[in-house]
Amino acid sequence: MSGAANAMRGEAELRVGDACLVLRPSFAALVAAEAELGPLFALIERAADGRLALGELAALFWHCVKERPDGLTRDAIGEAVVAAGLAAVTPALRVLIGQILQGR
């Protein structure tokens, strides 16, 4: 898979099945996420207000996967979020939001 997340690069980890994916909020990843989800500041505001939809969370994670293994689907990421529970994936979301707000 992608290896361990590098906190110095603002990376986070997400477990999908037996794989541990590295989420990296690169410029290209965030541009793709923003094109689909709308302005990132609005996304962060929804998250802060507890109004971030499950589909939005899965989409942000999907776009930020550093290296997608063969066969990984967006639905698999969504199912992994549901299986783990929101409390378990919140640390990864927090890292991504922190990077969006602070940059490197």
C-alpha atoms as a PDB file:
ATOM      1  CA  MET A   1       0.000   0.000   0.000  1.00  0.00           C
ATOM      2  CA  SER A   2       1.154   3.567   0.511  1.00  0.00           C
ATOM      3  CA  GLY A   3       3.280   3.047   3.641  1.00  0.00           C
ATOM      4  CA  ALA A   4       2.998   5.036   6.830  1.00  0.00           C
ATOM      5  CA  ALA A   5       1.590   8.537   6.890  1.00  0.00           C
ATOM      6  CA  ASN A   6       4.129  11.342   7.323  1.00  0.00           C
ATOM      7  CA  ALA A   7       2.751  13.827   9.839  1.00  0.00           C
ATOM      8  CA  MET A   8       5.308  16.429   8.721  1.00  0.00           C
ATOM      9  CA  ARG A   9       3.628  16.425   5.298  1.00  0.00           C
ATOM     10  CA  GLY A  10       0.171  16.687   6.797  1.00  0.00           C
ATOM     11  CA  GLU A  11      -0.676  13.100   5.903  1.00  0.00           C
ATOM     12  CA  ALA A  12      -3.222  10.950   7.713  1.00  0.00           C
ATOM     13  CA  GLU A  13      -4.084   7.254   7.634  1.00  0.00           C
ATOM     14  CA  LEU A  14      -7.358   5.565   6.765  1.00  0.00           C
ATOM     15  CA  ARG A  15      -7.917   1.843   7.085  1.00  0.00           C
ATOM     16  CA  VAL A  16      -9.930   0.296   4.235  1.00  0.00           C
ATOM     17  CA  GLY A  17     -10.275  -3.440   4.737  1.00  0.00           C
ATOM     18  CA  ASP A  18      -6.778  -4.811   5.247  1.00  0.00           C
ATOM     19  CA  ALA A  19      -5.137  -1.780   3.648  1.00  0.00           C
ATOM     20  CA  CYS A  20      -3.887   1.294   5.439  1.00  0.00           C
ATOM     21  CA  LEU A  21      -4.194   4.180   2.994  1.00  0.00           C
ATOM     22  CA  VAL A  22      -2.221   7.380   3.268  1.00  0.00           C
ATOM     23  CA  LEU A  23      -4.293  10.529   2.793  1.00  0.00           C
ATOM     24  CA  ARG A  24      -2.265  13.465   1.548  1.00  0.00           C
ATOM     25  CA  PRO A  25      -3.961  16.795   0.889  1.00  0.00           C
ATOM     26  CA  SER A  26      -1.846  17.802  -2.085  1.00  0.00           C
ATOM     27  CA  PHE A  27      -2.752  20.790  -4.224  1.00  0.00           C
ATOM     28  CA  ALA A  28      -4.074  18.541  -6.996  1.00  0.00           C
ATOM     29  CA  ALA A  29      -6.131  16.489  -4.537  1.00  0.00           C
ATOM     30  CA  LEU A  30      -7.684  19.570  -2.955  1.00  0.00           C
ATOM     31  CA  VAL A  31      -8.438  21.154  -6.332  1.00  0.00           C
ATOM     32  CA  ALA A  32     -10.242  17.955  -7.374  1.00  0.00           C
ATOM     33  CA  ALA A  33     -12.138  17.829  -4.082  1.00  0.00           C
ATOM     34  CA  GLU A  34     -13.105  21.478  -4.384  1.00  0.00           C
ATOM     35  CA  ALA A  35     -14.290  20.995  -7.971  1.00  0.00           C
ATOM     36  CA  GLU A  36     -16.658  18.309  -6.751  1.00  0.00           C
ATOM     37  CA  LEU A  37     -17.634  19.572  -3.304  1.00  0.00           C
ATOM     38  CA  GLY A  38     -17.488  23.331  -3.651  1.00  0.00           C
ATOM     39  CA  PRO A  39     -15.273  25.782  -1.782  1.00  0.00           C
ATOM     40  CA  LEU A  40     -13.092  24.158   0.860  1.00  0.00           C
ATOM     41  CA  PHE A  41     -13.840  26.845   3.441  1.00  0.00           C
ATOM     42  CA  ALA A  42     -17.551  26.073   3.124  1.00  0.00           C
ATOM     43  CA  LEU A  43     -16.742  22.372   3.564  1.00  0.00           C
ATOM     44  CA  ILE A  44     -14.780  23.167   6.722  1.00  0.00           C
ATOM     45  CA  GLU A  45     -17.618  25.314   8.039  1.00  0.00           C
ATOM     46  CA  ARG A  46     -20.069  22.448   7.480  1.00  0.00           C
ATOM     47  CA  ALA A  47     -17.701  20.094   9.298  1.00  0.00           C
ATOM     48  CA  ALA A  48     -17.384  22.531  12.215  1.00  0.00           C
ATOM     49  CA  ASP A  49     -21.172  22.817  12.401  1.00  0.00           C
ATOM     50  CA  GLY A  50     -21.627  19.039  12.301  1.00  0.00           C
ATOM     51  CA  ARG A  51     -23.231  19.237   8.853  1.00  0.00           C
ATOM     52  CA  LEU A  52     -20.579  17.445   6.809  1.00  0.00           C
ATOM     53  CA  ALA A  53     -22.384  14.743   4.859  1.00  0.00           C
ATOM     54  CA  LEU A  54     -21.037  11.201   4.723  1.00  0.00           C
ATOM     55  CA  GLY A  55     -20.697  11.446   0.936  1.00  0.00           C
ATOM     56  CA  GLU A  56     -18.645  14.632   1.286  1.00  0.00           C
ATOM     57  CA  LEU A  57     -16.350  12.973   3.812  1.00  0.00           C
ATOM     58  CA  ALA A  58     -15.836   9.957   1.552  1.00  0.00           C
ATOM     59  CA  ALA A  59     -15.220  12.247  -1.446  1.00  0.00           C
ATOM     60  CA  LEU A  60     -12.584  14.267   0.416  1.00  0.00           C
ATOM     61  CA  PHE A  61     -10.842  11.085   1.503  1.00  0.00           C
ATOM     62  CA  TRP A  62     -11.078   9.639  -2.030  1.00  0.00           C
ATOM     63  CA  HIS A  63      -9.402  12.654  -3.587  1.00  0.00           C
ATOM     64  CA  CYS A  64      -6.665  12.709  -0.930  1.00  0.00           C
ATOM     65  CA  VAL A  65      -5.617   9.043  -1.205  1.00  0.00           C
ATOM     66  CA  LYS A  66      -1.913   9.287  -2.008  1.00  0.00           C
ATOM     67  CA  GLU A  67      -1.624   5.988  -3.914  1.00  0.00           C
ATOM     68  CA  ARG A  68      -4.771   4.105  -4.863  1.00  0.00           C
ATOM     69  CA  PRO A  69      -4.305   0.342  -4.848  1.00  0.00           C
ATOM     70  CA  ASP A  70      -5.736  -1.543  -7.811  1.00  0.00           C
ATOM     71  CA  GLY A  71      -9.383  -2.295  -7.230  1.00  0.00           C
ATOM     72  CA  LEU A  72      -9.944   0.449  -4.656  1.00  0.00           C
ATOM     73  CA  THR A  73     -13.264   2.143  -5.253  1.00  0.00           C
ATOM     74  CA  ARG A  74     -14.824   5.233  -3.840  1.00  0.00           C
ATOM     75  CA  ASP A  75     -17.625   3.066  -2.458  1.00  0.00           C
ATOM     76  CA  ALA A  76     -15.028   1.014  -0.564  1.00  0.00           C
ATOM     77  CA  ILE A  77     -13.821   4.184   1.125  1.00  0.00           C
ATOM     78  CA  GLY A  78     -17.382   5.116   2.044  1.00  0.00           C
ATOM     79  CA  GLU A  79     -18.054   1.623   3.379  1.00  0.00           C
ATOM     80  CA  ALA A  80     -14.822   1.765   5.401  1.00  0.00           C
ATOM     81  CA  VAL A  81     -15.948   5.040   6.972  1.00  0.00           C
ATOM     82  CA  VAL A  82     -19.297   3.505   7.899  1.00  0.00           C
ATOM     83  CA  ALA A  83     -17.671   0.308   9.210  1.00  0.00           C
ATOM     84  CA  ALA A  84     -15.157   2.193  11.351  1.00  0.00           C
ATOM     85  CA  GLY A  85     -17.612   4.818  12.539  1.00  0.00           C
ATOM     86  CA  LEU A  86     -17.307   8.564  12.430  1.00  0.00           C
ATOM     87  CA  ALA A  87     -15.370   8.729  15.704  1.00  0.00           C
ATOM     88  CA  ALA A  88     -12.648   6.493  14.247  1.00  0.00           C
ATOM     89  CA  VAL A  89     -12.176   8.549  11.056  1.00  0.00           C
ATOM     90  CA  THR A  90     -12.418  11.967  12.708  1.00  0.00           C
ATOM     91  CA  PRO A  91      -8.655  12.117  13.435  1.00  0.00           C
ATOM     92  CA  ALA A  92      -7.915  11.744   9.708  1.00  0.00           C
ATOM     93  CA  LEU A  93     -10.475  14.423   8.883  1.00  0.00           C
ATOM     94  CA  ARG A  94      -8.952  16.688  11.524  1.00  0.00           C
ATOM     95  CA  VAL A  95      -5.496  16.318   9.953  1.00  0.00           C
ATOM     96  CA  LEU A  96      -6.823  17.134   6.475  1.00  0.00           C
ATOM     97  CA  ILE A  97      -8.761  20.156   7.722  1.00  0.00           C
ATOM     98  CA  GLY A  98      -5.706  21.361   9.615  1.00  0.00           C
ATOM     99  CA  GLN A  99      -3.633  21.160   6.449  1.00  0.00           C
ATOM    100  CA  ILE A 100      -6.262  22.980   4.429  1.00  0.00           C
ATOM    101  CA  LEU A 101      -6.317  25.804   6.965  1.00  0.00           C
ATOM    102  CA  GLN A 102      -2.610  25.998   7.791  1.00  0.00           C
ATOM    103  CA  GLY A 103      -0.811  24.683   4.752  1.00  0.00           C
ATOM    104  CA  ARG A 104       2.646  23.166   5.113  1.00  0.00           C
END
